[in-house]
Amino acid sequence: MRTDLFDFVLPESAIALYPSEPRDAARMLVVRAVEGSCARDDADLADKSVRDLPSLLQPGDALVFNDTRVIPAALSGVRTRDGRDANVSFNLTKRVDGNRWKAFARPAKRLEVGDRVRLGDSNDACMAGALDATVSDKGEAGEVELAFDFSGDALDAAIAATGVMPLPPYIALKRAPNDRDRATYQTIYADKDGAVAAPTAGLHFTPELFAALDARGVERHFVTLHVGAGTFLPVKADDTADHKMHSEWGTVSAETAAALNAVKARCGRIVCVGTTSLRVLESAATASGEIQPWTGDTAIFITPGYEFKCVDVLMTNFHLPRSTLFMLVSAFSGLGTMRAAYGHAIREGYRFYSYGDASLLFRER
């Protein structure tokens, strides 16, 4: 499909730079396709709050959350070469092995294979304040590979001490990360270290909302997908067939697969919290819709025409124009439906992107 079909104009003022307080005070647009409508851009829309979620679900439905934990993957420091220094910064994107990470570098033109970089406080002699690495490979579009002097748990501790939360570029270009971001850019149920971007739909949940969902009889299950920085990359191709997705590691346990299959067997609905939960479940499902235990890398790219196997409802934030995620929600609820929904959200002052408001999408049948 032509990628310009997924373009729209978004005012800068719509981009949320800080989250709602409390988390579940965010607005939520409920979106359903209009049955039998001939209009190009038409949708059944309702303005709600995230706190209304329990009343919008049925007893026996199951929410699926991504329990990945965001690591402080934004690092800055100094490159040294032939006695000359240059300031550089990195966003870690994917772990290669015990001591190597893929990363986006800025400015990448200052780096060559073999360069040494000191990340963190270059004046601090203790390794809790500085972290050394060698540029072991350099790819395209600013991507490099860093081989750190530490490995394993020691490397994880050093990154945690040295890095800051990797806020999305549309936030980071407007304000610096602060100490509160370490809490607010993390879900309350984050458990498994590895993401370099938050599964942002999950940021809206609070213990009080969990309690209300429990009282409603809505189940709660967890999968893992370590979100990579590729989620923020724009689609530069003119046709979706020419876009290459970055892969991300995920897993669905045997216990979770069995529980979700039981939900489907009794006609309950699978409600994914975030596109990351949806992508890992769709990667694990068979053509008949059975969810299997699964672990591996997925580069699934969902565009209109995709046949969804197992997910019925999707809770997600509002996404970038011409992005893979807007393409995904257009596949889920229909391009015309989503164009109408996003037009309404812009007119009504909804807040967009990672720290923004939510939408609850019902699958187009």
Protein backbone atom coordinates (compact mmCIF):
# COMPACT_ATOMS: atom_id res chain seq x y z
CA MET A 1 0.00 0.00 0.00
CA ARG A 2 1.06 3.62 -0.51
CA THR A 3 2.45 4.99 2.73
CA ASP A 4 0.98 8.45 2.10
CA LEU A 5 -2.44 6.93 2.83
CA PHE A 6 -1.38 6.85 6.48
CA ASP A 7 -0.31 10.49 6.66
CA PHE A 8 -2.16 13.20 8.59
CA VAL A 9 -1.40 16.65 9.98
CA LEU A 10 -0.76 16.76 13.73
CA PRO A 11 -0.33 20.08 15.58
CA GLU A 12 2.84 20.28 17.69
CA SER A 13 0.65 21.27 20.64
CA ALA A 14 -0.96 17.80 20.59
CA ILE A 15 2.28 16.03 21.57
CA ALA A 16 2.29 15.23 25.30
CA LEU A 17 5.59 16.03 27.02
CA TYR A 18 4.50 14.78 30.45
CA PRO A 19 2.10 12.02 31.54
CA SER A 20 -1.32 12.44 33.11
CA GLU A 21 -1.40 12.55 36.90
CA PRO A 22 -2.56 10.14 38.16
CA ARG A 23 -1.88 7.67 35.37
CA ASP A 24 -5.48 6.50 34.93
CA ALA A 25 -6.80 10.08 34.63
CA ALA A 26 -5.92 10.03 30.92
CA ARG A 27 -8.72 10.30 28.39
CA MET A 28 -9.64 7.31 26.25
CA LEU A 29 -11.37 7.35 22.86
CA VAL A 30 -13.49 4.25 22.24
CA VAL A 31 -13.48 3.38 18.53
CA ARG A 32 -15.75 1.02 16.62
CA ALA A 33 -16.20 0.66 12.88
CA VAL A 34 -19.63 1.70 11.59
CA GLU A 35 -21.42 -1.36 10.25
CA GLY A 36 -22.60 -0.93 6.68
CA SER A 37 -21.31 2.63 6.32
CA CYS A 38 -20.34 3.76 2.84
CA ALA A 39 -18.49 6.84 4.10
CA ARG A 40 -14.75 6.89 3.44
CA ASP A 41 -13.87 8.13 6.94
CA ASP A 42 -16.53 7.10 9.44
CA ALA A 43 -16.47 5.64 12.94
CA ASP A 44 -18.59 5.07 16.04
CA LEU A 45 -16.74 7.13 18.66
CA ALA A 46 -17.19 7.70 22.40
CA ASP A 47 -15.12 10.01 24.61
CA LYS A 48 -14.27 8.18 27.82
CA SER A 49 -11.56 7.97 30.48
CA VAL A 50 -9.07 5.18 31.15
CA ARG A 51 -10.92 4.71 34.45
CA ASP A 52 -13.98 3.64 32.42
CA LEU A 53 -12.16 0.58 31.09
CA PRO A 54 -13.78 -1.96 33.49
CA SER A 55 -17.27 -0.92 32.34
CA LEU A 56 -16.26 -1.32 28.69
CA LEU A 57 -15.14 -4.93 29.17
CA GLN A 58 -17.09 -8.05 30.11
CA PRO A 59 -16.50 -10.62 32.87
CA GLY A 60 -14.39 -13.37 31.35
CA ASP A 61 -12.44 -11.04 29.06
CA ALA A 62 -8.67 -11.16 29.44
CA LEU A 63 -6.24 -8.24 29.37
CA VAL A 64 -2.77 -9.05 28.02
CA PHE A 65 0.12 -6.86 29.21
CA ASN A 66 3.75 -6.62 28.11
CA ASP A 67 5.86 -6.95 31.28
CA THR A 68 9.13 -5.74 29.76
CA ARG A 69 11.12 -3.24 31.81
CA VAL A 70 12.75 -0.20 30.21
CA ILE A 71 16.45 0.12 30.93
CA PRO A 72 18.12 3.57 31.12
CA ALA A 73 19.48 3.10 27.62
CA ALA A 74 20.33 6.71 26.70
CA LEU A 75 24.08 7.22 27.15
CA SER A 76 26.36 10.17 26.42
CA GLY A 77 30.11 10.57 26.62
CA VAL A 78 33.33 11.20 24.77
CA ARG A 79 35.02 9.49 21.82
CA THR A 80 38.81 9.42 21.91
CA ARG A 81 40.97 8.93 18.82
CA ASP A 82 44.60 9.94 18.22
CA GLY A 83 44.53 12.19 21.25
CA ARG A 84 41.43 14.07 20.07
CA ASP A 85 38.04 13.99 21.79
CA ALA A 86 34.50 14.42 20.47
CA ASN A 87 31.16 14.38 22.28
CA VAL A 88 28.84 11.53 21.27
CA SER A 89 25.58 10.05 22.49
CA PHE A 90 23.93 6.67 22.05
CA ASN A 91 20.55 5.04 22.42
CA LEU A 92 21.00 1.31 23.01
CA THR A 93 18.60 -0.64 20.81
CA LYS A 94 19.24 -4.39 21.15
CA ARG A 95 21.57 -6.63 23.11
CA VAL A 96 23.77 -8.82 20.91
CA ASP A 97 25.45 -10.92 23.64
CA GLY A 98 26.97 -10.57 27.12
CA ASN A 99 28.97 -7.41 26.39
CA ARG A 100 27.76 -6.09 23.01
CA TRP A 101 24.81 -3.84 22.19
CA LYS A 102 23.46 -2.36 18.99
CA ALA A 103 22.92 1.39 19.34
CA PHE A 104 21.93 4.50 17.42
CA ALA A 105 24.74 7.05 17.60
CA ARG A 106 24.58 10.84 17.33
CA PRO A 107 26.48 12.13 15.46
CA ALA A 108 27.46 8.80 13.89
CA LYS A 109 29.86 10.54 11.49
CA ARG A 110 32.23 11.10 14.42
CA LEU A 111 32.67 7.37 14.92
CA GLU A 112 34.78 4.71 13.21
CA VAL A 113 35.27 1.02 13.95
CA GLY A 114 37.91 0.71 16.66
CA ASP A 115 37.14 4.03 18.36
CA ARG A 116 37.09 4.05 22.15
CA VAL A 117 34.27 5.82 23.94
CA ARG A 118 33.85 6.70 27.60
CA LEU A 119 30.21 7.01 28.59
CA GLY A 120 28.95 8.80 31.65
CA ASP A 121 31.10 11.09 33.75
CA SER A 122 34.52 11.09 32.08
CA ASN A 123 36.02 12.72 35.19
CA ASP A 124 34.85 9.94 37.51
CA ALA A 125 37.47 7.27 38.10
CA CYS A 126 35.02 4.69 39.48
CA MET A 127 33.19 2.52 36.99
CA ALA A 128 29.83 3.41 38.56
CA GLY A 129 30.31 6.86 37.02
CA ALA A 130 31.90 5.96 33.68
CA LEU A 131 31.59 3.08 31.25
CA ASP A 132 34.09 2.28 28.49
CA ALA A 133 33.37 0.61 25.16
CA THR A 134 34.84 0.06 21.72
CA VAL A 135 32.97 0.67 18.46
CA SER A 136 33.11 -2.87 17.03
CA ASP A 137 30.90 -2.34 13.96
CA LYS A 138 29.18 0.47 12.08
CA GLY A 139 26.06 0.08 9.99
CA GLU A 140 23.69 2.34 8.12
CA ALA A 141 21.46 5.19 9.31
CA GLY A 142 23.51 5.90 12.42
CA GLU A 143 23.56 2.37 13.84
CA VAL A 144 26.74 1.09 15.51
CA GLU A 145 27.73 -1.87 17.67
CA LEU A 146 29.38 -1.22 21.03
CA ALA A 147 31.59 -3.81 22.74
CA PHE A 148 31.67 -2.85 26.43
CA ASP A 149 34.54 -3.59 28.78
CA PHE A 150 32.05 -5.12 31.21
CA SER A 151 29.65 -7.98 30.52
CA GLY A 152 26.63 -9.70 32.01
CA ASP A 153 25.29 -8.45 35.35
CA ALA A 154 28.22 -6.06 35.81
CA LEU A 155 27.38 -4.38 32.50
CA ASP A 156 23.70 -4.15 33.41
CA ALA A 157 24.59 -2.45 36.70
CA ALA A 158 26.95 -0.02 34.97
CA ILE A 159 24.32 0.93 32.37
CA ALA A 160 21.75 1.44 35.12
CA ALA A 161 24.15 3.74 36.98
CA THR A 162 25.29 5.66 33.89
CA GLY A 163 22.27 5.93 31.56
CA VAL A 164 19.06 7.90 31.60
CA MET A 165 15.59 6.91 30.43
CA PRO A 166 15.47 6.84 26.61
CA LEU A 167 12.57 9.20 26.02
CA PRO A 168 11.19 9.15 22.46
CA PRO A 169 12.78 11.73 20.14
CA TYR A 170 9.58 13.79 19.90
CA ILE A 171 9.87 14.35 23.69
CA ALA A 172 13.66 14.33 24.10
CA LEU A 173 14.10 17.08 21.48
CA LYS A 174 11.83 19.36 23.53
CA ARG A 175 12.96 18.65 27.08
CA ALA A 176 15.66 16.78 28.95
CA PRO A 177 14.86 13.54 30.84
CA ASN A 178 14.39 14.05 34.57
CA ASP A 179 14.38 11.87 37.67
CA ARG A 180 10.59 11.42 37.51
CA ASP A 181 10.86 9.81 34.08
CA ARG A 182 12.53 6.79 35.71
CA ALA A 183 9.16 6.08 37.33
CA THR A 184 6.64 7.56 34.89
CA TYR A 185 8.20 6.00 31.76
CA GLN A 186 7.81 2.54 33.32
CA THR A 187 4.68 0.45 33.83
CA ILE A 188 3.79 -0.47 37.40
CA TYR A 189 4.08 -4.17 36.47
CA ALA A 190 7.42 -3.98 34.60
CA ASP A 191 9.39 -7.11 35.42
CA LYS A 192 11.92 -8.21 32.78
CA ASP A 193 14.79 -5.89 31.83
CA GLY A 194 15.43 -5.37 28.15
CA ALA A 195 13.27 -2.68 26.53
CA VAL A 196 14.66 0.63 25.28
CA ALA A 197 11.18 2.09 24.82
CA ALA A 198 8.12 1.71 27.03
CA PRO A 199 5.00 -0.26 26.06
CA THR A 200 3.16 3.02 26.51
CA ALA A 201 -0.48 1.89 26.69
CA GLY A 202 0.46 0.16 29.92
CA LEU A 203 1.60 3.43 31.49
CA HIS A 204 -2.05 4.27 32.21
CA PHE A 205 -2.60 1.47 34.73
CA THR A 206 -2.68 1.92 38.50
CA PRO A 207 -3.27 -0.46 41.43
CA GLU A 208 -6.74 1.06 41.78
CA LEU A 209 -7.58 0.32 38.14
CA PHE A 210 -6.29 -3.24 38.53
CA ALA A 211 -8.59 -3.66 41.56
CA ALA A 212 -11.59 -2.41 39.58
CA LEU A 213 -10.81 -4.80 36.72
CA ASP A 214 -10.49 -7.69 39.18
CA ALA A 215 -13.88 -6.80 40.64
CA ARG A 216 -15.34 -6.80 37.13
CA GLY A 217 -14.05 -10.34 36.55
CA VAL A 218 -11.50 -9.41 33.89
CA GLU A 219 -8.43 -11.64 33.82
CA ARG A 220 -4.85 -10.38 33.67
CA HIS A 221 -2.04 -12.15 31.78
CA PHE A 222 1.50 -11.20 30.78
CA VAL A 223 3.75 -11.66 27.77
CA THR A 224 7.15 -10.11 27.07
CA LEU A 225 8.38 -8.12 24.09
CA HIS A 226 11.56 -6.08 24.55
CA VAL A 227 10.60 -2.94 22.66
CA GLY A 228 13.39 -1.57 20.46
CA ALA A 229 14.11 1.97 19.28
CA GLY A 230 13.05 0.92 15.80
CA THR A 231 9.49 1.61 16.96
CA PHE A 232 10.25 5.34 16.50
CA LEU A 233 11.80 5.09 13.04
CA PRO A 234 9.76 6.76 10.29
CA VAL A 235 8.62 4.81 7.27
CA LYS A 236 10.62 6.37 4.43
CA ALA A 237 9.52 4.00 1.68
CA ASP A 238 6.73 5.03 -0.68
CA ASP A 239 5.15 1.59 -0.43
CA THR A 240 4.70 -0.55 2.68
CA ALA A 241 6.14 -3.54 0.80
CA ASP A 242 9.53 -1.80 0.73
CA HIS A 243 9.76 -1.06 4.48
CA LYS A 244 12.04 -3.25 6.61
CA MET A 245 11.03 -3.78 10.23
CA HIS A 246 13.58 -4.09 13.04
CA SER A 247 13.22 -7.35 14.96
CA GLU A 248 12.46 -7.52 18.68
CA TRP A 249 12.75 -10.42 21.13
CA GLY A 250 9.63 -11.76 22.78
CA THR A 251 8.16 -14.72 24.62
CA VAL A 252 4.77 -16.24 25.48
CA SER A 253 4.87 -18.80 28.27
CA ALA A 254 3.06 -22.14 28.11
CA GLU A 255 0.94 -21.03 31.09
CA THR A 256 -0.15 -17.80 29.41
CA ALA A 257 -0.86 -19.55 26.09
CA ALA A 258 -3.07 -22.14 27.81
CA ALA A 259 -4.95 -19.49 29.80
CA LEU A 260 -5.67 -17.37 26.73
CA ASN A 261 -6.79 -20.36 24.69
CA ALA A 262 -9.21 -21.17 27.51
CA VAL A 263 -10.55 -17.60 27.36
CA LYS A 264 -11.23 -17.98 23.63
CA ALA A 265 -12.84 -21.40 24.14
CA ARG A 266 -15.47 -19.90 26.45
CA CYS A 267 -16.04 -16.95 24.06
CA GLY A 268 -14.21 -14.38 26.16
CA ARG A 269 -12.27 -11.66 24.39
CA ILE A 270 -8.51 -11.17 24.29
CA VAL A 271 -7.80 -7.50 24.94
CA CYS A 272 -4.21 -6.47 24.24
CA VAL A 273 -2.78 -3.55 26.16
CA GLY A 274 -0.49 -2.03 23.56
CA THR A 275 0.65 -2.91 20.07
CA THR A 276 3.63 -4.80 21.53
CA SER A 277 1.36 -7.30 23.30
CA LEU A 278 -0.64 -7.69 20.10
CA ARG A 279 2.44 -8.28 17.93
CA VAL A 280 3.87 -10.95 20.22
CA LEU A 281 0.53 -12.79 20.44
CA GLU A 282 0.01 -12.65 16.68
CA SER A 283 3.56 -14.00 16.27
CA ALA A 284 2.72 -16.90 18.60
CA ALA A 285 -0.68 -17.78 17.12
CA THR A 286 -1.38 -20.42 14.49
CA ALA A 287 -3.52 -19.69 11.42
CA SER A 288 -6.51 -21.17 13.27
CA GLY A 289 -6.05 -18.74 16.19
CA GLU A 290 -4.53 -21.12 18.74
CA ILE A 291 -1.85 -19.40 20.82
CA GLN A 292 1.25 -21.53 21.30
CA PRO A 293 4.18 -21.18 23.70
CA TRP A 294 6.70 -19.11 21.78
CA THR A 295 10.10 -17.48 22.16
CA GLY A 296 12.15 -15.69 19.54
CA ASP A 297 12.64 -12.60 17.43
CA THR A 298 9.71 -11.09 15.60
CA ALA A 299 9.69 -8.51 12.82
CA ILE A 300 5.96 -8.85 12.16
CA PHE A 301 4.69 -5.88 10.09
CA ILE A 302 0.91 -5.52 10.22
CA THR A 303 -0.80 -3.44 7.54
CA PRO A 304 -4.38 -3.36 6.17
CA GLY A 305 -5.26 -6.72 4.70
CA TYR A 306 -3.64 -8.66 7.55
CA GLU A 307 -5.87 -11.41 8.97
CA PHE A 308 -5.79 -11.20 12.77
CA LYS A 309 -5.63 -14.60 14.39
CA CYS A 310 -6.47 -14.16 18.06
CA VAL A 311 -6.78 -10.54 19.29
CA ASP A 312 -10.26 -9.00 19.65
CA VAL A 313 -9.72 -5.59 21.28
CA LEU A 314 -6.69 -3.28 21.43
CA MET A 315 -5.94 -0.53 23.93
CA THR A 316 -3.24 1.75 22.56
CA ASN A 317 -2.05 5.35 22.56
CA PHE A 318 -2.24 7.70 19.57
CA HIS A 319 0.59 7.17 17.09
CA LEU A 320 2.79 9.08 14.68
CA PRO A 321 1.62 9.92 11.16
CA ARG A 322 2.91 7.50 8.53
CA SER A 323 4.22 5.14 11.22
CA THR A 324 4.13 1.34 11.34
CA LEU A 325 1.91 1.61 14.43
CA PHE A 326 -0.70 3.78 12.71
CA MET A 327 -0.63 1.20 9.92
CA LEU A 328 -1.23 -1.54 12.51
CA VAL A 329 -4.25 0.17 14.09
CA SER A 330 -5.60 0.86 10.59
CA ALA A 331 -5.34 -2.86 9.86
CA PHE A 332 -7.12 -3.63 13.13
CA SER A 333 -10.07 -1.23 12.92
CA GLY A 334 -10.01 -0.07 9.29
CA LEU A 335 -8.15 2.82 7.68
CA GLY A 336 -11.27 4.96 7.25
CA THR A 337 -12.29 4.30 10.86
CA MET A 338 -8.89 5.31 12.18
CA ARG A 339 -8.68 8.43 10.00
CA ALA A 340 -12.04 9.49 11.44
CA ALA A 341 -10.93 8.64 14.99
CA TYR A 342 -7.67 10.56 14.72
CA GLY A 343 -9.42 13.54 13.16
CA HIS A 344 -11.83 13.57 16.12
CA ALA A 345 -8.98 13.19 18.62
CA ILE A 346 -7.11 16.17 17.14
CA ARG A 347 -10.21 18.38 17.14
CA GLU A 348 -11.09 17.41 20.71
CA GLY A 349 -7.61 18.05 22.10
CA TYR A 350 -6.52 14.50 22.88
CA ARG A 351 -2.84 14.19 23.84
CA PHE A 352 -0.69 12.12 21.47
CA TYR A 353 2.20 9.66 21.68
CA SER A 354 4.02 7.97 24.58
CA TYR A 355 2.83 10.21 27.42
CA GLY A 356 -0.52 10.92 25.77
CA ASP A 357 -4.08 9.64 26.01
CA ALA A 358 -5.40 6.21 25.06
CA SER A 359 -7.81 4.67 22.58
CA LEU A 360 -9.78 1.43 22.87
CA LEU A 361 -10.18 -0.18 19.46
CA PHE A 362 -12.63 -2.90 18.53
CA ARG A 363 -11.57 -5.09 15.63
CA GLU A 364 -13.21 -4.54 12.27
CA ARG A 365 -15.18 -7.64 11.31
